[in-house]
Amino acid sequence: MDYYKVLGVEKNASKEDIKKAFHKLAHKHHPDKKGGDEKKFKEINEAYQTLSDDEKRSQYDRYGKNFGGGAGPQGFSGFGNGGGFGFDFGDMFRGGGEGVEFDASNVEDLFSSFFGGGRSGRGKVKRGRDISADILISFSESIFGIERKIQINKVSVCDICSGTGAKKGSAMVKCKTCDGTGKIIENERSFLGTFATERVCDKCFGAGENPKENCPNCKGEGVLKKNEEILVKVPAGIEDGQMIRFSGRGEAVPHGSPGDLYVKIHVEKHPTWRREGINLVTDLEIKLTDALLGTIYKLKTLDGEMDIKIPEGISFGEILRIKGKGVPTERSGRGDIHINIRIKIPKKLSKKEEEFVRKLKEEGL
């Protein structure tokens, strides 16, 4: 099986291209969808797990699918450059070429790269898929924070059996496949000898026991796909495009740990206010006479209406500052408000106004 052909990408495809191809094909062939193909879906997932990981992809590109994947010695036809993979073991042990320098401290890594887990081969705890969601909040909500409930359709722990997979009141019995150990031990032969490897039992998922009677709600899986309501707490001062990580709120897997939920925040633009770091900025247009004589303006801020004192003789472009009314921060309270002064110049004057301005000009103002 050619992983690149499975995903329909070129061998020089970027990680982003591989990710896009995977999502498209996984959506098409998912077993839960009508017309889905479980076998095809597993092939797609296997290809993605290898090609999305730089180290695994590099190993696959050099040695093929059977090398380092626990497949044993298939594909070897000799040593040195005449071998089935054109791989010189002498170079590897000498530290030459692309191999690793032989050292007693990395023997375990050597076996791990050959047989997908080394001599112990202990299976890792399964982890659910990470998922993401997007929410749109107002500018004011981004400044002061908000709690928002969202609905997500995802694989979750069964509410009836709490993830055990057992019918309510039913006992758990020892797994016959692994004899209650939760592990399967397999012997693998290679040119270096015979090695025992362990993997998690795929019947009990490492628990060592199975339900005597399956839960009717999840059919004994312990998980099922459903709509779940999640409370998203958006902190004060969050910026547009930021992500919030909710540990353990992603998709669940049988007898494993759930993935994480990543929520991307989108902030609506405000008609008069904008953000610059921890400061809130707005433009205030005042009349020419108010700029000359000074006055009090009522300004609508995110905290409510405030009286703003305009000092006499203020110039166009000057900035008035109001301390402690900007963006909340964890360490220094809140930023400031910056008010950019814009002076409205009349385009047309009445005769009386024009005479007054000329008189001011004659007096040198």
Protein backbone atom coordinates (compact mmCIF):
# COMPACT_ATOMS: atom_id res chain seq x y z
CA MET A 1 0.00 0.00 0.00
CA ASP A 2 1.39 3.37 -1.07
CA TYR A 3 0.44 5.93 1.56
CA TYR A 4 0.81 8.81 -0.91
CA LYS A 5 -1.57 7.13 -3.36
CA VAL A 6 -4.02 6.38 -0.54
CA LEU A 7 -4.27 10.09 0.25
CA GLY A 8 -3.99 11.11 -3.40
CA VAL A 9 -1.01 13.45 -2.89
CA GLU A 10 2.44 13.79 -4.43
CA LYS A 11 5.57 12.65 -2.58
CA ASN A 12 6.66 16.28 -2.15
CA ALA A 13 3.29 17.31 -0.70
CA SER A 14 3.37 19.71 2.24
CA LYS A 15 1.98 18.82 5.66
CA GLU A 16 -0.93 21.17 4.99
CA ASP A 17 -1.73 19.40 1.69
CA ILE A 18 -1.60 16.03 3.46
CA LYS A 19 -3.89 17.30 6.23
CA LYS A 20 -6.42 18.68 3.72
CA ALA A 21 -6.43 15.45 1.72
CA PHE A 22 -6.94 13.40 4.89
CA HIS A 23 -9.88 15.49 6.13
CA LYS A 24 -11.56 15.33 2.72
CA LEU A 25 -11.21 11.55 2.39
CA ALA A 26 -11.98 10.81 6.05
CA HIS A 27 -15.20 12.79 5.76
CA LYS A 28 -16.13 10.89 2.61
CA HIS A 29 -15.39 7.36 3.87
CA HIS A 30 -16.24 7.67 7.60
CA PRO A 31 -18.07 4.49 8.72
CA ASP A 32 -20.78 6.56 10.43
CA LYS A 33 -21.75 8.16 7.12
CA LYS A 34 -24.10 6.59 4.64
CA GLY A 35 -22.01 4.75 2.07
CA GLY A 36 -18.93 4.92 4.33
CA ASP A 37 -16.15 2.37 3.99
CA GLU A 38 -14.54 1.25 7.26
CA LYS A 39 -11.65 -0.53 5.55
CA LYS A 40 -10.89 2.48 3.36
CA PHE A 41 -11.22 4.79 6.37
CA LYS A 42 -8.64 2.75 8.31
CA GLU A 43 -6.23 2.86 5.35
CA ILE A 44 -6.64 6.64 5.11
CA ASN A 45 -6.03 7.05 8.85
CA GLU A 46 -2.96 4.76 8.74
CA ALA A 47 -1.51 6.76 5.85
CA TYR A 48 -2.15 10.07 7.59
CA GLN A 49 -0.65 8.95 10.91
CA THR A 50 2.59 8.16 9.08
CA LEU A 51 2.83 11.05 6.61
CA SER A 52 1.80 13.75 9.11
CA ASP A 53 4.68 12.82 11.41
CA ASP A 54 8.04 14.09 10.12
CA GLU A 55 10.07 11.24 11.65
CA LYS A 56 7.69 8.49 10.50
CA ARG A 57 7.41 10.02 7.04
CA SER A 58 11.17 10.19 6.66
CA GLN A 59 11.49 6.55 7.71
CA TYR A 60 8.68 5.53 5.34
CA ASP A 61 10.24 7.43 2.41
CA ARG A 62 13.57 5.66 2.96
CA TYR A 63 12.54 2.14 3.91
CA GLY A 64 8.91 1.64 2.92
CA LYS A 65 5.90 0.49 4.91
CA ASN A 66 7.36 -2.76 6.28
CA PHE A 67 10.42 -1.18 7.85
CA GLY A 68 10.00 -0.01 11.45
CA GLY A 69 6.28 -0.80 11.55
CA GLY A 70 6.42 -4.09 13.43
CA ALA A 71 6.24 -6.08 10.19
CA GLY A 72 9.35 -8.13 10.90
CA PRO A 73 12.02 -8.89 8.33
CA GLN A 74 9.90 -8.90 5.16
CA GLY A 75 11.57 -7.11 2.31
CA PHE A 76 15.19 -7.86 3.28
CA SER A 77 17.20 -9.66 0.66
CA GLY A 78 20.66 -9.11 2.01
CA PHE A 79 23.01 -6.72 3.72
CA GLY A 80 24.78 -3.58 2.58
CA ASN A 81 23.86 -1.84 -0.65
CA GLY A 82 22.77 -5.14 -2.15
CA GLY A 83 19.97 -5.52 0.43
CA GLY A 84 16.27 -5.16 -0.28
CA PHE A 85 16.24 -1.53 0.90
CA GLY A 86 19.69 -0.46 -0.29
CA PHE A 87 20.58 0.11 3.38
CA ASP A 88 24.12 -0.37 4.66
CA PHE A 89 23.97 -1.69 8.23
CA GLY A 90 27.71 -1.28 8.48
CA ASP A 91 27.29 2.45 7.96
CA MET A 92 24.63 2.59 10.63
CA PHE A 93 26.76 0.93 13.28
CA ARG A 94 29.79 3.03 12.31
CA GLY A 95 27.80 6.27 12.43
CA GLY A 96 28.19 6.81 8.67
CA GLY A 97 25.61 7.85 6.11
CA GLU A 98 22.15 8.56 7.52
CA GLY A 99 22.35 5.97 10.31
CA VAL A 100 23.02 6.46 14.01
CA GLU A 101 26.30 5.92 15.82
CA PHE A 102 26.29 2.62 17.66
CA ASP A 103 26.20 3.08 21.41
CA ALA A 104 24.88 0.89 24.23
CA SER A 105 22.65 3.74 25.38
CA ASN A 106 20.64 3.81 22.15
CA VAL A 107 20.21 0.09 21.55
CA GLU A 108 16.58 0.42 22.72
CA ASP A 109 16.00 3.15 20.15
CA LEU A 110 17.52 0.91 17.49
CA PHE A 111 15.10 -1.92 18.24
CA SER A 112 12.26 0.56 18.48
CA SER A 113 12.97 1.88 14.99
CA PHE A 114 13.10 -1.69 13.62
CA PHE A 115 10.07 -3.21 15.32
CA GLY A 116 7.71 -0.38 16.25
CA GLY A 117 8.13 -0.47 20.01
CA GLY A 118 11.41 -2.24 20.75
CA ARG A 119 11.79 -5.27 22.98
CA SER A 120 9.14 -4.13 25.42
CA GLY A 121 6.77 -2.81 22.76
CA ARG A 122 4.27 -1.60 25.33
CA GLY A 123 1.26 0.03 23.65
CA LYS A 124 0.54 3.64 24.44
CA VAL A 125 -2.72 4.69 26.05
CA LYS A 126 -5.20 5.58 23.36
CA ARG A 127 -6.08 9.23 23.02
CA GLY A 128 -9.13 10.74 21.39
CA ARG A 129 -9.05 13.14 18.49
CA ASP A 130 -8.56 16.87 19.07
CA ILE A 131 -11.43 18.95 17.69
CA SER A 132 -11.99 22.64 17.04
CA ALA A 133 -14.86 25.12 17.03
CA ASP A 134 -15.32 28.80 16.17
CA ILE A 135 -17.41 31.37 18.03
CA LEU A 136 -18.19 35.01 17.23
CA ILE A 137 -18.35 37.54 20.07
CA SER A 138 -18.90 41.31 20.21
CA PHE A 139 -16.07 43.80 20.75
CA SER A 140 -17.38 44.59 24.24
CA GLU A 141 -17.53 40.87 25.14
CA SER A 142 -13.89 40.49 24.08
CA ILE A 143 -12.89 43.25 26.50
CA PHE A 144 -14.86 42.12 29.56
CA GLY A 145 -15.10 38.36 28.90
CA ILE A 146 -18.18 36.19 28.51
CA GLU A 147 -19.51 32.67 29.04
CA ARG A 148 -21.07 31.04 25.98
CA LYS A 149 -22.69 27.61 25.59
CA ILE A 150 -21.96 25.83 22.31
CA GLN A 151 -23.30 22.59 20.83
CA ILE A 152 -20.76 20.16 19.34
CA ASN A 153 -21.52 16.85 17.66
CA LYS A 154 -18.67 14.56 18.68
CA VAL A 155 -17.73 11.15 20.04
CA SER A 156 -18.35 11.32 23.79
CA VAL A 157 -18.42 9.01 26.78
CA CYS A 158 -21.72 7.16 27.08
CA ASP A 159 -23.95 8.74 29.74
CA ILE A 160 -25.62 5.42 30.59
CA CYS A 161 -22.57 3.26 31.31
CA SER A 162 -20.06 6.09 32.02
CA GLY A 163 -17.66 4.62 29.49
CA THR A 164 -17.50 1.04 30.83
CA GLY A 165 -19.52 -0.38 27.93
CA ALA A 166 -21.49 -2.53 30.39
CA LYS A 167 -25.25 -2.74 30.75
CA LYS A 168 -26.47 -1.15 33.98
CA GLY A 169 -26.15 -3.75 36.75
CA SER A 170 -24.09 -6.10 34.60
CA ALA A 171 -20.80 -7.47 35.92
CA MET A 172 -17.41 -7.20 34.28
CA VAL A 173 -15.65 -10.43 33.35
CA LYS A 174 -12.04 -11.28 32.55
CA CYS A 175 -11.10 -10.70 28.94
CA LYS A 176 -10.60 -14.04 27.20
CA THR A 177 -8.42 -12.62 24.45
CA CYS A 178 -5.63 -11.40 26.76
CA ASP A 179 -6.51 -13.54 29.82
CA GLY A 180 -7.09 -10.39 31.86
CA THR A 181 -3.64 -8.87 31.33
CA GLY A 182 -4.78 -6.14 28.95
CA LYS A 183 -1.82 -6.95 26.69
CA ILE A 184 -1.08 -9.22 23.79
CA ILE A 185 2.47 -10.63 23.58
CA GLU A 186 3.73 -11.54 20.13
CA ASN A 187 7.04 -13.07 19.06
CA GLU A 188 8.70 -11.58 16.02
CA ARG A 189 11.63 -13.14 14.18
CA SER A 190 14.30 -11.07 12.48
CA PHE A 191 17.86 -11.46 11.27
CA LEU A 192 18.93 -10.33 14.77
CA GLY A 193 16.92 -13.04 16.52
CA THR A 194 13.46 -13.46 18.01
CA PHE A 195 11.93 -10.62 19.99
CA ALA A 196 8.79 -10.47 22.12
CA THR A 197 6.64 -7.40 21.66
CA GLU A 198 3.62 -6.25 23.60
CA ARG A 199 0.58 -4.37 22.38
CA VAL A 200 -2.65 -3.28 23.98
CA CYS A 201 -5.41 -5.85 23.67
CA ASP A 202 -7.83 -4.70 20.97
CA LYS A 203 -10.73 -6.51 22.63
CA CYS A 204 -10.66 -4.91 26.08
CA PHE A 205 -8.49 -1.89 25.10
CA GLY A 206 -6.03 -2.69 27.89
CA ALA A 207 -8.62 -2.86 30.69
CA GLY A 208 -8.25 -6.63 31.11
CA GLU A 209 -12.00 -7.12 31.40
CA ASN A 210 -15.12 -6.87 29.29
CA PRO A 211 -18.78 -6.38 30.19
CA LYS A 212 -20.82 -9.54 30.60
CA GLU A 213 -23.69 -7.71 28.92
CA ASN A 214 -23.16 -4.76 26.62
CA CYS A 215 -24.71 -1.37 27.27
CA PRO A 216 -27.66 -1.02 24.85
CA ASN A 217 -27.01 2.69 24.40
CA CYS A 218 -23.42 2.45 23.10
CA LYS A 219 -23.43 -1.25 22.08
CA GLY A 220 -20.62 -1.97 24.52
CA GLU A 221 -18.21 0.60 23.06
CA GLY A 222 -18.35 2.95 26.04
CA VAL A 223 -18.49 5.90 23.63
CA LEU A 224 -20.92 7.15 21.01
CA LYS A 225 -21.45 10.15 18.77
CA LYS A 226 -23.88 12.73 20.12
CA ASN A 227 -24.52 16.44 20.57
CA GLU A 228 -22.82 17.79 23.65
CA GLU A 229 -23.31 21.21 25.22
CA ILE A 230 -20.05 22.79 26.33
CA LEU A 231 -19.67 25.95 28.39
CA VAL A 232 -16.94 28.14 26.90
CA LYS A 233 -15.48 30.70 29.29
CA VAL A 234 -13.92 33.49 27.25
CA PRO A 235 -11.46 35.47 29.39
CA ALA A 236 -11.46 39.28 29.52
CA GLY A 237 -9.08 40.95 27.09
CA ILE A 238 -9.01 38.18 24.48
CA GLU A 239 -8.01 39.20 20.95
CA ASP A 240 -9.47 38.30 17.58
CA GLY A 241 -8.09 35.00 16.27
CA GLN A 242 -6.89 33.68 19.63
CA MET A 243 -7.46 30.01 20.50
CA ILE A 244 -8.67 28.67 23.85
CA ARG A 245 -7.69 25.08 24.73
CA PHE A 246 -10.08 22.99 26.80
CA SER A 247 -8.18 19.92 27.97
CA GLY A 248 -10.12 16.66 27.77
CA ARG A 249 -13.12 18.15 25.97
CA GLY A 250 -12.30 16.66 22.57
CA GLU A 251 -13.44 13.30 21.26
CA ALA A 252 -13.44 10.25 23.52
CA VAL A 253 -12.06 6.76 22.79
CA PRO A 254 -12.93 3.46 24.50
CA HIS A 255 -10.87 3.05 27.70
CA GLY A 256 -8.57 5.91 26.72
CA SER A 257 -8.11 9.58 27.40
CA PRO A 258 -10.15 12.16 25.46
CA GLY A 259 -8.56 14.67 23.13
CA ASP A 260 -8.71 18.42 23.55
CA LEU A 261 -11.11 21.07 22.29
CA TYR A 262 -9.69 24.21 20.65
CA VAL A 263 -12.06 27.17 20.35
CA LYS A 264 -11.08 29.98 17.98
CA ILE A 265 -12.42 33.41 18.92
CA HIS A 266 -13.65 35.86 16.28
CA VAL A 267 -14.31 39.43 17.45
CA GLU A 268 -16.76 41.75 15.69
CA LYS A 269 -15.54 45.24 14.83
CA HIS A 270 -16.91 48.16 16.85
CA PRO A 271 -18.26 51.22 15.03
CA THR A 272 -16.29 53.72 17.15
CA TRP A 273 -13.75 51.87 19.27
CA ARG A 274 -10.63 49.94 18.32
CA ARG A 275 -7.92 48.19 20.26
CA GLU A 276 -4.21 49.02 20.32
CA GLY A 277 -2.48 46.65 22.71
CA ILE A 278 -4.02 47.15 26.13
CA ASN A 279 -5.48 50.54 25.22
CA LEU A 280 -8.88 51.41 23.74
CA VAL A 281 -8.76 54.11 21.07
CA THR A 282 -11.46 56.32 19.53
CA ASP A 283 -11.70 59.54 17.52
CA LEU A 284 -13.69 62.48 18.88
CA GLU A 285 -14.75 65.25 16.51
CA ILE A 286 -15.32 68.62 18.19
CA LYS A 287 -16.37 72.04 16.93
CA LEU A 288 -13.79 74.73 16.26
CA THR A 289 -15.29 76.99 18.92
CA ASP A 290 -15.11 74.20 21.49
CA ALA A 291 -11.47 73.66 20.61
CA LEU A 292 -10.79 77.35 21.17
CA LEU A 293 -12.86 77.88 24.30
CA GLY A 294 -12.97 74.39 25.83
CA THR A 295 -16.08 72.49 26.91
CA ILE A 296 -17.47 69.23 28.28
CA TYR A 297 -18.36 66.37 25.89
CA LYS A 298 -20.38 63.28 26.73
CA LEU A 299 -18.62 60.20 25.40
CA LYS A 300 -20.12 56.70 25.19
CA THR A 301 -17.45 54.27 26.41
CA LEU A 302 -17.67 50.50 26.89
CA ASP A 303 -18.17 51.19 30.62
CA GLY A 304 -21.02 53.66 29.97
CA GLU A 305 -21.37 57.38 29.29
CA MET A 306 -18.61 59.65 30.61
CA ASP A 307 -18.05 63.43 30.74
CA ILE A 308 -14.89 64.37 28.86
CA LYS A 309 -13.34 67.75 29.58
CA ILE A 310 -11.97 69.45 26.47
CA PRO A 311 -9.33 72.00 27.52
CA GLU A 312 -9.35 75.38 25.77
CA GLY A 313 -6.90 75.79 22.92
CA ILE A 314 -6.66 72.06 22.16
CA SER A 315 -5.11 71.22 18.79
CA PHE A 316 -6.09 68.80 16.05
CA GLY A 317 -4.44 65.39 16.68
CA GLU A 318 -3.91 65.83 20.40
CA ILE A 319 -4.69 62.80 22.56
CA LEU A 320 -6.68 62.85 25.76
CA ARG A 321 -6.03 59.94 28.12
CA ILE A 322 -8.36 58.34 30.64
CA LYS A 323 -6.47 55.97 32.91
CA GLY A 324 -7.73 52.54 33.91
CA LYS A 325 -10.62 52.25 31.45
CA GLY A 326 -8.89 50.24 28.73
CA VAL A 327 -8.34 46.50 28.20
CA PRO A 328 -8.17 44.33 31.37
CA THR A 329 -4.84 42.55 31.96
CA GLU A 330 -3.80 39.87 34.45
CA ARG A 331 -0.88 41.82 35.90
CA SER A 332 -1.52 45.55 35.61
CA GLY A 333 -5.25 46.04 35.97
CA ARG A 334 -6.56 47.80 32.88
CA GLY A 335 -5.00 49.82 30.11
CA ASP A 336 -6.09 53.36 29.22
CA ILE A 337 -8.52 55.08 26.88
CA HIS A 338 -6.94 57.23 24.17
CA ILE A 339 -9.14 59.90 22.59
CA ASN A 340 -7.82 61.35 19.33
CA ILE A 341 -9.11 64.90 18.88
CA ARG A 342 -10.46 65.82 15.45
CA ILE A 343 -11.59 69.44 14.91
CA LYS A 344 -14.49 70.02 12.56
CA ILE A 345 -13.80 72.96 10.26
CA PRO A 346 -16.94 74.52 8.71
CA LYS A 347 -16.90 74.46 4.91
CA LYS A 348 -19.05 77.56 4.59
CA LEU A 349 -19.41 80.65 6.84
CA SER A 350 -22.23 83.09 7.16
CA LYS A 351 -21.46 86.80 6.58
CA LYS A 352 -21.49 87.43 10.31
CA GLU A 353 -19.13 84.47 10.97
CA GLU A 354 -16.84 85.54 8.15
CA GLU A 355 -16.61 89.10 9.52
CA PHE A 356 -15.80 87.70 12.97
CA VAL A 357 -13.02 85.46 11.61
CA ARG A 358 -11.54 88.36 9.61
CA LYS A 359 -11.51 90.48 12.73
CA LEU A 360 -9.68 87.71 14.60
CA LYS A 361 -7.18 87.51 11.76
CA GLU A 362 -6.54 91.24 11.88
CA GLU A 363 -5.84 90.95 15.58
CA GLY A 364 -3.22 88.30 14.83
CA LEU A 365 -5.17 85.24 15.96
